[in-house]
């Protein structure tokens, strides 16, 4: 079956009931740059009407050389005929989360930004970015745009469409900065409620893929403890220790009554297509709970 005729990858994922926990894209820091126009397959390399390819390449390489994740952002809905060039720098490590923002005169100004955010101002509002990168994956276009519109209707000041975040099969995917909370399938719930919870210091464990600054086993361990305890505080369950052996991962998390030890087994899924454009099936890593006890 060709990619043009088969079911969208997000529909296949829902039918398989793929687990989302422990799948957040890695990123201790993020550079989010406004490119207000149509994006090609790569927002920075294939969007000629918005940004010159070589300039886009230089901007992306500079961010990546500093270990930063980079994504394009744009406001949902109709766009102004006069483009703006706003930027955000987020540092997501727990306990030192911060979001800086500013604006430059044109795309070339992005090349000279201080990547620690010191060129701008500390942002007191979050940045909520939903992937709507249709040229990268059709699921992101359909599911992402509807979720973005629903959130923007209530929170227009900090809602953006963004380019590829990873995890297309979990579309619509959403990133909340500066904490780096990564959500999936946000179009299948009250997506604006996820933001309301965030503003109250809480999260929705059902749709959370994980926090981008944390290793995948820690993301999974937090999921299992939250599912068992009902603790939905963003700031809870900080990692204390992670230890691997040949077959399992042992994660120790902080808890109100003392440390919680979670032992996970790593497994590989059945072969699947992780995105609509995938040409070959592949196995993905999953985590299975072995035990969970006070440490």
C-alpha atoms as a PDB file:
ATOM      1  CA  UNK A   1       0.000   0.000   0.000  1.00  0.00           C
ATOM      2  CA  UNK A   2       1.437   3.387  -0.931  1.00  0.00           C
ATOM      3  CA  UNK A   3       1.741   6.283   1.517  1.00  0.00           C
ATOM      4  CA  UNK A   4      -0.864   8.184  -0.545  1.00  0.00           C
ATOM      5  CA  UNK A   5      -3.520   5.484   0.007  1.00  0.00           C
ATOM      6  CA  UNK A   6      -2.833   4.141   3.486  1.00  0.00           C
ATOM      7  CA  UNK A   7      -4.403   5.500   6.637  1.00  0.00           C
ATOM      8  CA  UNK A   8      -2.767   8.580   8.182  1.00  0.00           C
ATOM      9  CA  UNK A   9      -0.084   7.641  10.711  1.00  0.00           C
ATOM     10  CA  UNK A  10      -1.989   9.241  13.615  1.00  0.00           C
ATOM     11  CA  UNK A  11      -5.097   7.154  12.800  1.00  0.00           C
ATOM     12  CA  UNK A  12      -2.967   4.006  12.708  1.00  0.00           C
ATOM     13  CA  UNK A  13      -1.410   4.949  16.040  1.00  0.00           C
ATOM     14  CA  UNK A  14      -4.805   5.448  17.643  1.00  0.00           C
ATOM     15  CA  UNK A  15      -6.016   2.099  16.314  1.00  0.00           C
ATOM     16  CA  UNK A  16      -2.945   0.374  17.784  1.00  0.00           C
ATOM     17  CA  UNK A  17      -3.335   2.341  21.021  1.00  0.00           C
ATOM     18  CA  UNK A  18       0.343   3.292  20.967  1.00  0.00           C
ATOM     19  CA  UNK A  19       1.597   4.469  24.356  1.00  0.00           C
ATOM     20  CA  UNK A  20       2.741   8.086  24.402  1.00  0.00           C
ATOM     21  CA  UNK A  21       4.585   8.288  27.711  1.00  0.00           C
ATOM     22  CA  UNK A  22       8.359   8.402  27.502  1.00  0.00           C
ATOM     23  CA  UNK A  23       8.390   9.751  23.938  1.00  0.00           C
ATOM     24  CA  UNK A  24       9.001  13.494  24.329  1.00  0.00           C
ATOM     25  CA  UNK A  25      11.634  14.859  21.967  1.00  0.00           C
ATOM     26  CA  UNK A  26      14.942  15.676  23.663  1.00  0.00           C
ATOM     27  CA  UNK A  27      15.642  19.349  24.287  1.00  0.00           C
ATOM     28  CA  UNK A  28      17.188  21.168  27.253  1.00  0.00           C
ATOM     29  CA  UNK A  29      16.893  24.474  25.394  1.00  0.00           C
ATOM     30  CA  UNK A  30      14.767  25.669  22.484  1.00  0.00           C
ATOM     31  CA  UNK A  31      15.089  28.467  19.932  1.00  0.00           C
ATOM     32  CA  UNK A  32      11.701  29.394  18.475  1.00  0.00           C
ATOM     33  CA  UNK A  33      11.820  31.831  15.545  1.00  0.00           C
ATOM     34  CA  UNK A  34       8.907  33.487  13.784  1.00  0.00           C
ATOM     35  CA  UNK A  35       8.686  32.654  10.075  1.00  0.00           C
ATOM     36  CA  UNK A  36       5.292  34.018   9.131  1.00  0.00           C
ATOM     37  CA  UNK A  37       4.479  32.273   5.886  1.00  0.00           C
ATOM     38  CA  UNK A  38       4.244  28.883   4.171  1.00  0.00           C
ATOM     39  CA  UNK A  39       6.828  26.305   5.231  1.00  0.00           C
ATOM     40  CA  UNK A  40       8.327  23.638   3.010  1.00  0.00           C
ATOM     41  CA  UNK A  41       9.360  20.179   4.205  1.00  0.00           C
ATOM     42  CA  UNK A  42      12.126  21.862   6.212  1.00  0.00           C
ATOM     43  CA  UNK A  43      10.933  25.187   7.589  1.00  0.00           C
ATOM     44  CA  UNK A  44      14.413  26.734   7.479  1.00  0.00           C
ATOM     45  CA  UNK A  45      15.675  25.196   4.237  1.00  0.00           C
ATOM     46  CA  UNK A  46      12.608  24.908   1.997  1.00  0.00           C
ATOM     47  CA  UNK A  47      10.584  28.066   2.665  1.00  0.00           C
ATOM     48  CA  UNK A  48      11.952  30.345  -0.031  1.00  0.00           C
ATOM     49  CA  UNK A  49       9.136  32.899   0.186  1.00  0.00           C
ATOM     50  CA  UNK A  50       9.919  33.420   3.875  1.00  0.00           C
ATOM     51  CA  UNK A  51      13.654  32.928   4.374  1.00  0.00           C
ATOM     52  CA  UNK A  52      16.691  32.441   2.144  1.00  0.00           C
ATOM     53  CA  UNK A  53      17.873  28.830   2.204  1.00  0.00           C
ATOM     54  CA  UNK A  54      21.503  29.577   3.049  1.00  0.00           C
ATOM     55  CA  UNK A  55      20.512  32.000   5.792  1.00  0.00           C
ATOM     56  CA  UNK A  56      18.105  29.439   7.210  1.00  0.00           C
ATOM     57  CA  UNK A  57      20.828  26.806   7.130  1.00  0.00           C
ATOM     58  CA  UNK A  58      23.275  29.085   8.959  1.00  0.00           C
ATOM     59  CA  UNK A  59      20.714  29.950  11.648  1.00  0.00           C
ATOM     60  CA  UNK A  60      19.787  26.302  12.216  1.00  0.00           C
ATOM     61  CA  UNK A  61      23.407  25.126  12.308  1.00  0.00           C
ATOM     62  CA  UNK A  62      24.340  27.801  14.827  1.00  0.00           C
ATOM     63  CA  UNK A  63      21.548  26.744  17.189  1.00  0.00           C
ATOM     64  CA  UNK A  64      22.264  23.045  16.760  1.00  0.00           C
ATOM     65  CA  UNK A  65      25.996  23.554  17.365  1.00  0.00           C
ATOM     66  CA  UNK A  66      25.046  24.917  20.792  1.00  0.00           C
ATOM     67  CA  UNK A  67      22.881  21.895  21.526  1.00  0.00           C
ATOM     68  CA  UNK A  68      19.603  23.769  21.073  1.00  0.00           C
ATOM     69  CA  UNK A  69      16.427  22.535  19.430  1.00  0.00           C
ATOM     70  CA  UNK A  70      15.148  24.976  16.833  1.00  0.00           C
ATOM     71  CA  UNK A  71      11.645  25.372  15.416  1.00  0.00           C
ATOM     72  CA  UNK A  72       9.784  27.906  13.321  1.00  0.00           C
ATOM     73  CA  UNK A  73       6.648  29.526  14.726  1.00  0.00           C
ATOM     74  CA  UNK A  74       3.838  31.592  13.253  1.00  0.00           C
ATOM     75  CA  UNK A  75       0.539  32.963  14.497  1.00  0.00           C
ATOM     76  CA  UNK A  76      -2.523  30.905  13.534  1.00  0.00           C
ATOM     77  CA  UNK A  77      -5.105  32.318  11.142  1.00  0.00           C
ATOM     78  CA  UNK A  78      -4.685  35.140   8.658  1.00  0.00           C
ATOM     79  CA  UNK A  79      -1.284  36.743   8.620  1.00  0.00           C
ATOM     80  CA  UNK A  80      -0.340  40.381   8.333  1.00  0.00           C
ATOM     81  CA  UNK A  81       1.068  41.577   5.021  1.00  0.00           C
ATOM     82  CA  UNK A  82       3.974  43.041   6.999  1.00  0.00           C
ATOM     83  CA  UNK A  83       6.006  40.224   8.551  1.00  0.00           C
ATOM     84  CA  UNK A  84       7.385  40.356  12.056  1.00  0.00           C
ATOM     85  CA  UNK A  85      10.446  38.547  13.329  1.00  0.00           C
ATOM     86  CA  UNK A  86       9.813  37.588  16.938  1.00  0.00           C
ATOM     87  CA  UNK A  87      11.914  35.071  18.808  1.00  0.00           C
ATOM     88  CA  UNK A  88      11.901  33.028  22.010  1.00  0.00           C
ATOM     89  CA  UNK A  89      14.735  31.281  23.825  1.00  0.00           C
ATOM     90  CA  UNK A  90      13.725  28.719  26.441  1.00  0.00           C
ATOM     91  CA  UNK A  91      15.923  26.892  28.932  1.00  0.00           C
ATOM     92  CA  UNK A  92      13.974  23.946  30.309  1.00  0.00           C
ATOM     93  CA  UNK A  93      16.053  22.306  33.053  1.00  0.00           C
ATOM     94  CA  UNK A  94      13.965  21.734  36.141  1.00  0.00           C
ATOM     95  CA  UNK A  95      14.387  24.435  38.745  1.00  0.00           C
ATOM     96  CA  UNK A  96      15.944  26.923  36.333  1.00  0.00           C
ATOM     97  CA  UNK A  97      13.259  27.192  33.642  1.00  0.00           C
ATOM     98  CA  UNK A  98      13.209  30.548  31.886  1.00  0.00           C
ATOM     99  CA  UNK A  99      11.757  31.950  28.671  1.00  0.00           C
ATOM    100  CA  UNK A 100      13.223  35.023  26.982  1.00  0.00           C
ATOM    101  CA  UNK A 101      11.650  36.863  24.060  1.00  0.00           C
ATOM    102  CA  UNK A 102      12.408  39.704  21.700  1.00  0.00           C
ATOM    103  CA  UNK A 103      12.133  40.897  18.113  1.00  0.00           C
ATOM    104  CA  UNK A 104      14.569  41.706  15.310  1.00  0.00           C
ATOM    105  CA  UNK A 105      14.168  43.744  12.131  1.00  0.00           C
ATOM    106  CA  UNK A 106      14.488  40.897   9.639  1.00  0.00           C
ATOM    107  CA  UNK A 107      15.459  37.235   9.328  1.00  0.00           C
ATOM    108  CA  UNK A 108      19.163  38.050   9.208  1.00  0.00           C
ATOM    109  CA  UNK A 109      18.855  39.389  12.735  1.00  0.00           C
ATOM    110  CA  UNK A 110      18.250  35.828  13.943  1.00  0.00           C
ATOM    111  CA  UNK A 111      21.839  34.982  13.066  1.00  0.00           C
ATOM    112  CA  UNK A 112      23.170  37.427  15.657  1.00  0.00           C
ATOM    113  CA  UNK A 113      20.916  36.589  18.613  1.00  0.00           C
ATOM    114  CA  UNK A 114      22.537  35.831  21.938  1.00  0.00           C
ATOM    115  CA  UNK A 115      21.471  32.226  22.400  1.00  0.00           C
ATOM    116  CA  UNK A 116      21.211  32.624  26.162  1.00  0.00           C
ATOM    117  CA  UNK A 117      18.302  35.020  25.557  1.00  0.00           C
ATOM    118  CA  UNK A 118      20.091  38.021  27.041  1.00  0.00           C
ATOM    119  CA  UNK A 119      19.229  40.187  24.008  1.00  0.00           C
ATOM    120  CA  UNK A 120      15.588  40.109  25.066  1.00  0.00           C
ATOM    121  CA  UNK A 121      13.353  40.137  28.110  1.00  0.00           C
ATOM    122  CA  UNK A 122      12.132  37.456  30.473  1.00  0.00           C
ATOM    123  CA  UNK A 123       8.671  36.342  29.384  1.00  0.00           C
ATOM    124  CA  UNK A 124       6.142  35.832  32.182  1.00  0.00           C
ATOM    125  CA  UNK A 125       3.651  34.016  29.930  1.00  0.00           C
ATOM    126  CA  UNK A 126       4.298  30.556  28.492  1.00  0.00           C
ATOM    127  CA  UNK A 127       4.791  29.808  24.829  1.00  0.00           C
ATOM    128  CA  UNK A 128       2.287  27.210  23.629  1.00  0.00           C
ATOM    129  CA  UNK A 129       3.315  25.771  20.255  1.00  0.00           C
ATOM    130  CA  UNK A 130       1.263  23.210  18.328  1.00  0.00           C
ATOM    131  CA  UNK A 131       2.822  21.485  15.333  1.00  0.00           C
ATOM    132  CA  UNK A 132       0.932  22.431  12.167  1.00  0.00           C
ATOM    133  CA  UNK A 133       3.702  21.586   9.704  1.00  0.00           C
ATOM    134  CA  UNK A 134       1.637  20.129   6.904  1.00  0.00           C
ATOM    135  CA  UNK A 135       4.474  19.790   4.393  1.00  0.00           C
ATOM    136  CA  UNK A 136       6.242  17.554   6.888  1.00  0.00           C
ATOM    137  CA  UNK A 137       3.234  15.384   7.762  1.00  0.00           C
ATOM    138  CA  UNK A 138      -0.432  15.614   6.745  1.00  0.00           C
ATOM    139  CA  UNK A 139      -1.595  14.673  10.264  1.00  0.00           C
ATOM    140  CA  UNK A 140       0.072  17.788  11.664  1.00  0.00           C
ATOM    141  CA  UNK A 141      -1.765  19.962   9.157  1.00  0.00           C
ATOM    142  CA  UNK A 142      -5.215  18.540   9.872  1.00  0.00           C
ATOM    143  CA  UNK A 143      -5.033  17.824  13.582  1.00  0.00           C
ATOM    144  CA  UNK A 144      -2.552  20.537  14.526  1.00  0.00           C
ATOM    145  CA  UNK A 145      -4.397  23.446  12.997  1.00  0.00           C
ATOM    146  CA  UNK A 146      -7.698  22.534  14.622  1.00  0.00           C
ATOM    147  CA  UNK A 147      -6.036  22.227  18.046  1.00  0.00           C
ATOM    148  CA  UNK A 148      -4.196  25.522  17.609  1.00  0.00           C
ATOM    149  CA  UNK A 149      -7.409  27.320  16.711  1.00  0.00           C
ATOM    150  CA  UNK A 150      -9.158  25.947  19.800  1.00  0.00           C
ATOM    151  CA  UNK A 151      -6.356  27.085  22.108  1.00  0.00           C
ATOM    152  CA  UNK A 152      -5.931  30.464  20.406  1.00  0.00           C
ATOM    153  CA  UNK A 153      -9.625  31.215  20.864  1.00  0.00           C
ATOM    154  CA  UNK A 154      -8.971  31.413  24.606  1.00  0.00           C
ATOM    155  CA  UNK A 155      -5.250  32.195  24.801  1.00  0.00           C
ATOM    156  CA  UNK A 156      -4.355  34.172  21.668  1.00  0.00           C
ATOM    157  CA  UNK A 157      -1.442  36.009  23.253  1.00  0.00           C
ATOM    158  CA  UNK A 158       0.809  32.973  23.674  1.00  0.00           C
ATOM    159  CA  UNK A 159      -0.484  30.436  21.138  1.00  0.00           C
ATOM    160  CA  UNK A 160       1.544  29.636  18.020  1.00  0.00           C
ATOM    161  CA  UNK A 161       1.705  27.111  15.221  1.00  0.00           C
ATOM    162  CA  UNK A 162       5.144  25.532  14.987  1.00  0.00           C
ATOM    163  CA  UNK A 163       7.201  23.372  12.668  1.00  0.00           C
ATOM    164  CA  UNK A 164       8.075  19.725  13.205  1.00  0.00           C
ATOM    165  CA  UNK A 165       8.326  18.618  16.857  1.00  0.00           C
ATOM    166  CA  UNK A 166       8.675  14.864  16.308  1.00  0.00           C
ATOM    167  CA  UNK A 167       6.169  12.136  17.072  1.00  0.00           C
ATOM    168  CA  UNK A 168       3.936  12.729  14.052  1.00  0.00           C
ATOM    169  CA  UNK A 169       1.921   9.585  14.873  1.00  0.00           C
ATOM    170  CA  UNK A 170       0.805  11.371  18.054  1.00  0.00           C
ATOM    171  CA  UNK A 171      -0.581  14.418  16.205  1.00  0.00           C
ATOM    172  CA  UNK A 172      -1.673  16.892  17.246  1.00  0.00           C
ATOM    173  CA  UNK A 173       1.547  17.455  19.195  1.00  0.00           C
ATOM    174  CA  UNK A 174       2.094  20.417  21.497  1.00  0.00           C
ATOM    175  CA  UNK A 175       5.069  21.942  23.314  1.00  0.00           C
ATOM    176  CA  UNK A 176       4.706  24.223  26.344  1.00  0.00           C
ATOM    177  CA  UNK A 177       7.739  26.336  27.202  1.00  0.00           C
ATOM    178  CA  UNK A 178       9.723  27.033  29.301  1.00  0.00           C
ATOM    179  CA  UNK A 179       9.102  23.722  31.089  1.00  0.00           C
ATOM    180  CA  UNK A 180       9.344  21.744  27.864  1.00  0.00           C
ATOM    181  CA  UNK A 181       6.125  19.813  28.414  1.00  0.00           C
ATOM    182  CA  UNK A 182       5.431  17.734  25.325  1.00  0.00           C
ATOM    183  CA  UNK A 183       1.855  16.585  24.683  1.00  0.00           C
ATOM    184  CA  UNK A 184       0.263  14.340  22.078  1.00  0.00           C
ATOM    185  CA  UNK A 185      -3.237  13.854  20.602  1.00  0.00           C
ATOM    186  CA  UNK A 186      -4.267  17.234  21.987  1.00  0.00           C
ATOM    187  CA  UNK A 187      -6.995  17.543  19.353  1.00  0.00           C
ATOM    188  CA  UNK A 188      -8.792  14.570  20.928  1.00  0.00           C
ATOM    189  CA  UNK A 189      -9.432  16.422  24.182  1.00  0.00           C
ATOM    190  CA  UNK A 190     -10.242  19.969  25.336  1.00  0.00           C
ATOM    191  CA  UNK A 191      -6.885  21.339  24.231  1.00  0.00           C
ATOM    192  CA  UNK A 192      -7.490  24.717  25.881  1.00  0.00           C
ATOM    193  CA  UNK A 193      -8.050  22.864  29.180  1.00  0.00           C
ATOM    194  CA  UNK A 194      -4.483  21.570  28.972  1.00  0.00           C
ATOM    195  CA  UNK A 195      -3.335  25.188  29.008  1.00  0.00           C
ATOM    196  CA  UNK A 196      -5.681  26.069  31.865  1.00  0.00           C
ATOM    197  CA  UNK A 197      -4.180  23.230  33.886  1.00  0.00           C
ATOM    198  CA  UNK A 198      -0.680  24.434  33.033  1.00  0.00           C
ATOM    199  CA  UNK A 199      -1.447  27.934  34.302  1.00  0.00           C
ATOM    200  CA  UNK A 200      -2.565  26.288  37.556  1.00  0.00           C
ATOM    201  CA  UNK A 201       0.726  24.375  37.810  1.00  0.00           C
ATOM    202  CA  UNK A 202      -0.809  21.055  36.742  1.00  0.00           C
ATOM    203  CA  UNK A 203      -0.645  18.684  33.802  1.00  0.00           C
ATOM    204  CA  UNK A 204      -2.792  16.000  32.190  1.00  0.00           C
ATOM    205  CA  UNK A 205      -0.976  12.693  32.474  1.00  0.00           C
ATOM    206  CA  UNK A 206      -3.159  11.040  29.818  1.00  0.00           C
ATOM    207  CA  UNK A 207      -1.787  13.224  27.030  1.00  0.00           C
ATOM    208  CA  UNK A 208       1.683  14.068  28.335  1.00  0.00           C
ATOM    209  CA  UNK A 209       4.489  12.466  26.341  1.00  0.00           C
ATOM    210  CA  UNK A 210       7.057  13.773  28.813  1.00  0.00           C
ATOM    211  CA  UNK A 211       9.292  16.677  29.595  1.00  0.00           C
ATOM    212  CA  UNK A 212      11.907  17.347  26.926  1.00  0.00           C
ATOM    213  CA  UNK A 213      14.777  17.982  29.371  1.00  0.00           C
ATOM    214  CA  UNK A 214      14.376  14.567  31.022  1.00  0.00           C
ATOM    215  CA  UNK A 215      15.636  11.172  29.754  1.00  0.00           C
ATOM    216  CA  UNK A 216      12.955   8.922  28.311  1.00  0.00           C
ATOM    217  CA  UNK A 217      13.025   6.411  31.201  1.00  0.00           C
ATOM    218  CA  UNK A 218      12.424   9.263  33.664  1.00  0.00           C
ATOM    219  CA  UNK A 219       9.497  10.487  31.569  1.00  0.00           C
ATOM    220  CA  UNK A 220       8.012   6.993  31.655  1.00  0.00           C
ATOM    221  CA  UNK A 221       8.642   6.539  35.384  1.00  0.00           C
ATOM    222  CA  UNK A 222       6.887   9.823  36.145  1.00  0.00           C
ATOM    223  CA  UNK A 223       3.921   8.677  34.073  1.00  0.00           C
ATOM    224  CA  UNK A 224       3.503   5.469  36.064  1.00  0.00           C
ATOM    225  CA  UNK A 225       3.777   7.215  39.433  1.00  0.00           C
ATOM    226  CA  UNK A 226       1.291   9.898  38.393  1.00  0.00           C
ATOM    227  CA  UNK A 227      -1.109   7.263  37.071  1.00  0.00           C
ATOM    228  CA  UNK A 228      -0.965   5.424  40.411  1.00  0.00           C
ATOM    229  CA  UNK A 229      -1.014   8.439  42.732  1.00  0.00           C
ATOM    230  CA  UNK A 230      -3.044  11.013  40.822  1.00  0.00           C
ATOM    231  CA  UNK A 231      -0.341  13.628  41.456  1.00  0.00           C
ATOM    232  CA  UNK A 232      -0.679  16.073  38.559  1.00  0.00           C
ATOM    233  CA  UNK A 233       1.685  18.805  39.761  1.00  0.00           C
ATOM    234  CA  UNK A 234       4.200  19.890  37.133  1.00  0.00           C
ATOM    235  CA  UNK A 235       6.874  20.438  39.775  1.00  0.00           C
ATOM    236  CA  UNK A 236       6.477  17.036  41.460  1.00  0.00           C
ATOM    237  CA  UNK A 237       8.495  13.810  41.061  1.00  0.00           C
ATOM    238  CA  UNK A 238      11.923  15.196  40.270  1.00  0.00           C
ATOM    239  CA  UNK A 239      14.498  12.548  39.278  1.00  0.00           C
ATOM    240  CA  UNK A 240      17.087  11.612  41.896  1.00  0.00           C
ATOM    241  CA  UNK A 241      18.872   8.675  40.291  1.00  0.00           C
ATOM    242  CA  UNK A 242      18.820   6.624  37.083  1.00  0.00           C
ATOM    243  CA  UNK A 243      20.617   3.303  36.771  1.00  0.00           C
ATOM    244  CA  UNK A 244      20.618   0.827  33.872  1.00  0.00           C
ATOM    245  CA  UNK A 245      21.524  -2.805  33.642  1.00  0.00           C
ATOM    246  CA  UNK A 246      21.233  -5.281  30.771  1.00  0.00           C
ATOM    247  CA  UNK A 247      17.474  -5.688  31.025  1.00  0.00           C
ATOM    248  CA  UNK A 248      15.929  -2.903  33.118  1.00  0.00           C
ATOM    249  CA  UNK A 249      16.160   0.748  34.091  1.00  0.00           C
ATOM    250  CA  UNK A 250      15.854   1.778  37.737  1.00  0.00           C
ATOM    251  CA  UNK A 251      14.571   5.331  38.273  1.00  0.00           C
ATOM    252  CA  UNK A 252      14.293   6.989  41.674  1.00  0.00           C
ATOM    253  CA  UNK A 253      11.963   9.988  41.918  1.00  0.00           C
ATOM    254  CA  UNK A 254      11.364  12.396  44.772  1.00  0.00           C
ATOM    255  CA  UNK A 255       8.015  12.020  46.524  1.00  0.00           C
ATOM    256  CA  UNK A 256       6.222  13.879  49.276  1.00  0.00           C
ATOM    257  CA  UNK A 257       6.597  10.891  51.604  1.00  0.00           C
ATOM    258  CA  UNK A 258      10.093   9.991  50.434  1.00  0.00           C
ATOM    259  CA  UNK A 259      11.756   8.629  47.289  1.00  0.00           C
ATOM    260  CA  UNK A 260       9.826   6.379  44.905  1.00  0.00           C
ATOM    261  CA  UNK A 261      11.685   3.658  43.006  1.00  0.00           C
ATOM    262  CA  UNK A 262      10.387   2.650  39.589  1.00  0.00           C
ATOM    263  CA  UNK A 263      11.843  -0.285  37.678  1.00  0.00           C
ATOM    264  CA  UNK A 264      11.141  -0.392  33.956  1.00  0.00           C
ATOM    265  CA  UNK A 265      11.757  -2.939  31.245  1.00  0.00           C
ATOM    266  CA  UNK A 266      12.628  -1.681  27.767  1.00  0.00           C
ATOM    267  CA  UNK A 267      10.884  -3.391  24.878  1.00  0.00           C
ATOM    268  CA  UNK A 268      10.557  -2.890  21.133  1.00  0.00           C
ATOM    269  CA  UNK A 269       7.190  -2.481  19.468  1.00  0.00           C
ATOM    270  CA  UNK A 270       5.942  -4.415  16.498  1.00  0.00           C
ATOM    271  CA  UNK A 271       7.083  -2.763  13.233  1.00  0.00           C
ATOM    272  CA  UNK A 272       5.123   0.416  12.543  1.00  0.00           C
ATOM    273  CA  UNK A 273       5.121   3.481  10.294  1.00  0.00           C
ATOM    274  CA  UNK A 274       6.052   6.432  12.488  1.00  0.00           C
ATOM    275  CA  UNK A 275       4.970   9.113  10.008  1.00  0.00           C
ATOM    276  CA  UNK A 276       2.756   9.391   6.961  1.00  0.00           C
ATOM    277  CA  UNK A 277       5.714   9.710   4.589  1.00  0.00           C
ATOM    278  CA  UNK A 278       7.610   6.717   6.024  1.00  0.00           C
ATOM    279  CA  UNK A 279       8.628   4.200   3.366  1.00  0.00           C
ATOM    280  CA  UNK A 280       9.570   1.353   5.713  1.00  0.00           C
ATOM    281  CA  UNK A 281       8.285   0.079   9.033  1.00  0.00           C
ATOM    282  CA  UNK A 282      10.483   0.206  12.114  1.00  0.00           C
ATOM    283  CA  UNK A 283      10.334  -0.780  15.753  1.00  0.00           C
ATOM    284  CA  UNK A 284      10.195   1.871  18.464  1.00  0.00           C
ATOM    285  CA  UNK A 285      11.252   1.631  22.106  1.00  0.00           C
ATOM    286  CA  UNK A 286       8.594   1.328  24.780  1.00  0.00           C
ATOM    287  CA  UNK A 287       8.740   1.060  28.571  1.00  0.00           C
ATOM    288  CA  UNK A 288       6.885  -1.481  30.681  1.00  0.00           C
ATOM    289  CA  UNK A 289       6.426  -1.132  34.428  1.00  0.00           C
ATOM    290  CA  UNK A 290       8.158  -3.925  36.373  1.00  0.00           C
ATOM    291  CA  UNK A 291       7.760  -2.572  39.908  1.00  0.00           C
ATOM    292  CA  UNK A 292       7.099   0.623  41.826  1.00  0.00           C
ATOM    293  CA  UNK A 293       7.935   0.913  45.494  1.00  0.00           C
ATOM    294  CA  UNK A 294       8.990   3.474  48.085  1.00  0.00           C
ATOM    295  CA  UNK A 295      12.779   3.580  47.939  1.00  0.00           C
END
